[in-house]
Amino acid sequence: MTTVGTTLRDLVGLGHQPTRLQDAALIMIDCQNTYLSGVMQLTGVDAPSKKR
């Protein structure tokens, strides 16, 4: 039997209904390029575009 762990949403009482996209937050991962060129480099990962 599989049990489900407690999520951050559970801890703050938000439930399991996803938020609306307009209320969502963008989480940036690997801003220091650890997975692109650092000690934890992954193969097949393209460099991000410089466009903004």
PDB file of N, CA and C in Angstrom:
ATOM      1  N   MET A   1       0.847  -1.186   0.000  1.00  0.00           N
ATOM      2  CA  MET A   1       0.000   0.000   0.000  1.00  0.00           C
ATOM      3  C   MET A   1       0.888   1.244   0.000  1.00  0.00           C
ATOM      4  N   THR A   2       0.561   2.215  -0.845  1.00  0.00           N
ATOM      5  CA  THR A   2       1.318   3.455  -0.952  1.00  0.00           C
ATOM      6  C   THR A   2       0.639   4.546  -0.144  1.00  0.00           C
ATOM      7  N   THR A   3       1.430   5.275   0.624  1.00  0.00           N
ATOM      8  CA  THR A   3       0.881   6.407   1.365  1.00  0.00           C
ATOM      9  C   THR A   3       1.397   7.698   0.757  1.00  0.00           C
ATOM     10  N   VAL A   4       0.586   8.727   0.796  1.00  0.00           N
ATOM     11  CA  VAL A   4       0.950  10.031   0.250  1.00  0.00           C
ATOM     12  C   VAL A   4       1.521  10.880   1.376  1.00  0.00           C
ATOM     13  N   GLY A   5       2.668  11.502   1.123  1.00  0.00           N
ATOM     14  CA  GLY A   5       3.302  12.362   2.117  1.00  0.00           C
ATOM     15  C   GLY A   5       2.595  13.709   2.205  1.00  0.00           C
ATOM     16  N   THR A   6       2.959  14.463   3.199  1.00  0.00           N
ATOM     17  CA  THR A   6       2.411  15.803   3.388  1.00  0.00           C
ATOM     18  C   THR A   6       3.131  16.765   2.456  1.00  0.00           C
ATOM     19  N   THR A   7       2.369  17.563   1.727  1.00  0.00           N
ATOM     20  CA  THR A   7       2.946  18.544   0.812  1.00  0.00           C
ATOM     21  C   THR A   7       3.018  19.906   1.489  1.00  0.00           C
ATOM     22  N   LEU A   8       3.742  20.839   0.868  1.00  0.00           N
ATOM     23  CA  LEU A   8       3.780  22.218   1.378  1.00  0.00           C
ATOM     24  C   LEU A   8       2.383  22.829   1.372  1.00  0.00           C
ATOM     25  N   ARG A   9       1.600  22.495   0.354  1.00  0.00           N
ATOM     26  CA  ARG A   9       0.228  23.017   0.289  1.00  0.00           C
ATOM     27  C   ARG A   9      -0.595  22.521   1.471  1.00  0.00           C
ATOM     28  N   ASP A  10      -0.395  21.260   1.866  1.00  0.00           N
ATOM     29  CA  ASP A  10      -1.084  20.724   3.040  1.00  0.00           C
ATOM     30  C   ASP A  10      -0.691  21.487   4.303  1.00  0.00           C
ATOM     31  N   LEU A  11       0.597  21.751   4.437  1.00  0.00           N
ATOM     32  CA  LEU A  11       1.098  22.416   5.637  1.00  0.00           C
ATOM     33  C   LEU A  11       0.510  23.809   5.852  1.00  0.00           C
ATOM     34  N   VAL A  12       0.229  24.521   4.751  1.00  0.00           N
ATOM     35  CA  VAL A  12      -0.317  25.875   4.879  1.00  0.00           C
ATOM     36  C   VAL A  12      -1.826  25.919   4.658  1.00  0.00           C
ATOM     37  N   GLY A  13      -2.445  24.742   4.514  1.00  0.00           N
ATOM     38  CA  GLY A  13      -3.899  24.670   4.416  1.00  0.00           C
ATOM     39  C   GLY A  13      -4.489  25.071   3.081  1.00  0.00           C
ATOM     40  N   LEU A  14      -3.755  24.902   1.982  1.00  0.00           N
ATOM     41  CA  LEU A  14      -4.253  25.305   0.667  1.00  0.00           C
ATOM     42  C   LEU A  14      -5.024  24.212  -0.065  1.00  0.00           C
ATOM     43  N   GLY A  15      -4.939  22.988   0.380  1.00  0.00           N
ATOM     44  CA  GLY A  15      -5.641  21.905  -0.298  1.00  0.00           C
ATOM     45  C   GLY A  15      -4.923  21.472  -1.557  1.00  0.00           C
ATOM     46  N   HIS A  16      -5.643  20.745  -2.412  1.00  0.00           N
ATOM     47  CA  HIS A  16      -5.015  20.168  -3.603  1.00  0.00           C
ATOM     48  C   HIS A  16      -5.533  20.743  -4.907  1.00  0.00           C
ATOM     49  N   GLN A  17      -6.356  21.765  -4.855  1.00  0.00           N
ATOM     50  CA  GLN A  17      -6.842  22.418  -6.067  1.00  0.00           C
ATOM     51  C   GLN A  17      -5.733  23.320  -6.618  1.00  0.00           C
ATOM     52  N   PRO A  18      -5.314  23.118  -7.871  1.00  0.00           N
ATOM     53  CA  PRO A  18      -4.261  23.973  -8.431  1.00  0.00           C
ATOM     54  C   PRO A  18      -4.702  25.435  -8.475  1.00  0.00           C
ATOM     55  N   THR A  19      -3.748  26.326  -8.334  1.00  0.00           N
ATOM     56  CA  THR A  19      -4.036  27.750  -8.410  1.00  0.00           C
ATOM     57  C   THR A  19      -4.268  28.168  -9.853  1.00  0.00           C
ATOM     58  N   ARG A  20      -4.895  29.306 -10.039  1.00  0.00           N
ATOM     59  CA  ARG A  20      -5.077  29.840 -11.390  1.00  0.00           C
ATOM     60  C   ARG A  20      -3.722  30.332 -11.890  1.00  0.00           C
ATOM     61  N   LEU A  21      -3.481  30.233 -13.190  1.00  0.00           N
ATOM     62  CA  LEU A  21      -2.213  30.635 -13.765  1.00  0.00           C
ATOM     63  C   LEU A  21      -1.890  32.088 -13.439  1.00  0.00           C
ATOM     64  N   GLN A  22      -2.888  32.954 -13.445  1.00  0.00           N
ATOM     65  CA  GLN A  22      -2.641  34.370 -13.158  1.00  0.00           C
ATOM     66  C   GLN A  22      -2.213  34.598 -11.710  1.00  0.00           C
ATOM     67  N   ASP A  23      -2.448  33.633 -10.836  1.00  0.00           N
ATOM     68  CA  ASP A  23      -2.039  33.741  -9.437  1.00  0.00           C
ATOM     69  C   ASP A  23      -0.787  32.913  -9.129  1.00  0.00           C
ATOM     70  N   ALA A  24      -0.209  32.297 -10.157  1.00  0.00           N
ATOM     71  CA  ALA A  24       0.931  31.404  -9.968  1.00  0.00           C
ATOM     72  C   ALA A  24       2.242  32.187  -9.887  1.00  0.00           C
ATOM     73  N   ALA A  25       3.262  31.528  -9.403  1.00  0.00           N
ATOM     74  CA  ALA A  25       4.601  32.106  -9.327  1.00  0.00           C
ATOM     75  C   ALA A  25       5.544  31.323 -10.229  1.00  0.00           C
ATOM     76  N   LEU A  26       6.499  32.016 -10.799  1.00  0.00           N
ATOM     77  CA  LEU A  26       7.520  31.387 -11.616  1.00  0.00           C
ATOM     78  C   LEU A  26       8.723  31.096 -10.733  1.00  0.00           C
ATOM     79  N   ILE A  27       9.157  29.849 -10.713  1.00  0.00           N
ATOM     80  CA  ILE A  27      10.307  29.450  -9.910  1.00  0.00           C
ATOM     81  C   ILE A  27      11.476  29.208 -10.856  1.00  0.00           C
ATOM     82  N   MET A  28      12.527  29.953 -10.662  1.00  0.00           N
ATOM     83  CA  MET A  28      13.712  29.831 -11.507  1.00  0.00           C
ATOM     84  C   MET A  28      14.640  28.774 -10.911  1.00  0.00           C
ATOM     85  N   ILE A  29      15.015  27.801 -11.720  1.00  0.00           N
ATOM     86  CA  ILE A  29      15.897  26.730 -11.281  1.00  0.00           C
ATOM     87  C   ILE A  29      17.206  26.815 -12.062  1.00  0.00           C
ATOM     88  N   ASP A  30      18.295  26.643 -11.383  1.00  0.00           N
ATOM     89  CA  ASP A  30      19.635  26.628 -11.981  1.00  0.00           C
ATOM     90  C   ASP A  30      20.031  27.993 -12.527  1.00  0.00           C
ATOM     91  N   CYS A  31      19.752  29.042 -11.809  1.00  0.00           N
ATOM     92  CA  CYS A  31      20.128  30.392 -12.234  1.00  0.00           C
ATOM     93  C   CYS A  31      21.638  30.582 -12.283  1.00  0.00           C
ATOM     94  N   GLN A  32      22.390  29.743 -11.580  1.00  0.00           N
ATOM     95  CA  GLN A  32      23.842  29.840 -11.586  1.00  0.00           C
ATOM     96  C   GLN A  32      24.471  28.814 -12.535  1.00  0.00           C
ATOM     97  N   ASN A  33      23.657  28.197 -13.369  1.00  0.00           N
ATOM     98  CA  ASN A  33      24.121  27.266 -14.407  1.00  0.00           C
ATOM     99  C   ASN A  33      24.833  26.028 -13.884  1.00  0.00           C
ATOM    100  N   THR A  34      24.502  25.575 -12.697  1.00  0.00           N
ATOM    101  CA  THR A  34      25.109  24.364 -12.146  1.00  0.00           C
ATOM    102  C   THR A  34      24.859  23.162 -13.040  1.00  0.00           C
ATOM    103  N   TYR A  35      23.649  23.053 -13.591  1.00  0.00           N
ATOM    104  CA  TYR A  35      23.309  21.909 -14.430  1.00  0.00           C
ATOM    105  C   TYR A  35      23.754  22.100 -15.875  1.00  0.00           C
ATOM    106  N   LEU A  36      24.095  23.317 -16.251  1.00  0.00           N
ATOM    107  CA  LEU A  36      24.524  23.605 -17.618  1.00  0.00           C
ATOM    108  C   LEU A  36      26.035  23.464 -17.763  1.00  0.00           C
ATOM    109  N   SER A  37      26.796  23.992 -16.802  1.00  0.00           N
ATOM    110  CA  SER A  37      28.251  23.951 -16.947  1.00  0.00           C
ATOM    111  C   SER A  37      28.993  23.744 -15.627  1.00  0.00           C
ATOM    112  N   GLY A  38      28.291  23.501 -14.553  1.00  0.00           N
ATOM    113  CA  GLY A  38      28.926  23.338 -13.250  1.00  0.00           C
ATOM    114  C   GLY A  38      29.242  21.894 -12.915  1.00  0.00           C
ATOM    115  N   VAL A  39      29.429  21.631 -11.637  1.00  0.00           N
ATOM    116  CA  VAL A  39      29.831  20.300 -11.189  1.00  0.00           C
ATOM    117  C   VAL A  39      28.735  19.252 -11.370  1.00  0.00           C
ATOM    118  N   MET A  40      27.499  19.679 -11.570  1.00  0.00           N
ATOM    119  CA  MET A  40      26.378  18.748 -11.773  1.00  0.00           C
ATOM    120  C   MET A  40      25.860  18.828 -13.213  1.00  0.00           C
ATOM    121  N   GLN A  41      26.750  19.065 -14.161  1.00  0.00           N
ATOM    122  CA  GLN A  41      26.384  19.283 -15.555  1.00  0.00           C
ATOM    123  C   GLN A  41      25.584  18.119 -16.121  1.00  0.00           C
ATOM    124  N   LEU A  42      24.502  18.444 -16.813  1.00  0.00           N
ATOM    125  CA  LEU A  42      23.657  17.456 -17.484  1.00  0.00           C
ATOM    126  C   LEU A  42      23.914  17.504 -18.977  1.00  0.00           C
ATOM    127  N   THR A  43      23.860  16.361 -19.632  1.00  0.00           N
ATOM    128  CA  THR A  43      24.024  16.327 -21.089  1.00  0.00           C
ATOM    129  C   THR A  43      22.680  16.611 -21.742  1.00  0.00           C
ATOM    130  N   GLY A  44      22.727  17.197 -22.926  1.00  0.00           N
ATOM    131  CA  GLY A  44      21.502  17.468 -23.681  1.00  0.00           C
ATOM    132  C   GLY A  44      20.734  18.691 -23.197  1.00  0.00           C
ATOM    133  N   VAL A  45      21.383  19.549 -22.425  1.00  0.00           N
ATOM    134  CA  VAL A  45      20.724  20.759 -21.928  1.00  0.00           C
ATOM    135  C   VAL A  45      21.262  21.944 -22.709  1.00  0.00           C
ATOM    136  N   ASP A  46      20.368  22.700 -23.337  1.00  0.00           N
ATOM    137  CA  ASP A  46      20.786  23.856 -24.121  1.00  0.00           C
ATOM    138  C   ASP A  46      20.920  25.093 -23.245  1.00  0.00           C
ATOM    139  N   ALA A  47      21.827  25.972 -23.616  1.00  0.00           N
ATOM    140  CA  ALA A  47      21.994  27.237 -22.908  1.00  0.00           C
ATOM    141  C   ALA A  47      20.735  28.074 -23.094  1.00  0.00           C
ATOM    142  N   PRO A  48      20.347  28.845 -22.081  1.00  0.00           N
ATOM    143  CA  PRO A  48      19.149  29.690 -22.204  1.00  0.00           C
ATOM    144  C   PRO A  48      19.370  30.810 -23.214  1.00  0.00           C
ATOM    145  N   SER A  49      18.286  31.263 -23.793  1.00  0.00           N
ATOM    146  CA  SER A  49      18.322  32.381 -24.718  1.00  0.00           C
ATOM    147  C   SER A  49      18.633  33.660 -23.962  1.00  0.00           C
ATOM    148  N   LYS A  50      19.368  34.557 -24.572  1.00  0.00           N
ATOM    149  CA  LYS A  50      19.691  35.844 -23.947  1.00  0.00           C
ATOM    150  C   LYS A  50      18.597  36.877 -24.181  1.00  0.00           C
ATOM    151  N   LYS A  51      17.569  36.540 -24.990  1.00  0.00           N
ATOM    152  CA  LYS A  51      16.465  37.467 -25.264  1.00  0.00           C
ATOM    153  C   LYS A  51      15.633  37.687 -24.014  1.00  0.00           C
ATOM    154  N   ARG A  52      15.081  38.857 -23.873  1.00  0.00           N
ATOM    155  CA  ARG A  52      14.177  39.161 -22.772  1.00  0.00           C
ATOM    156  C   ARG A  52      12.952  39.822 -23.281  1.00  0.00           C
TER     157      ARG A  52
END
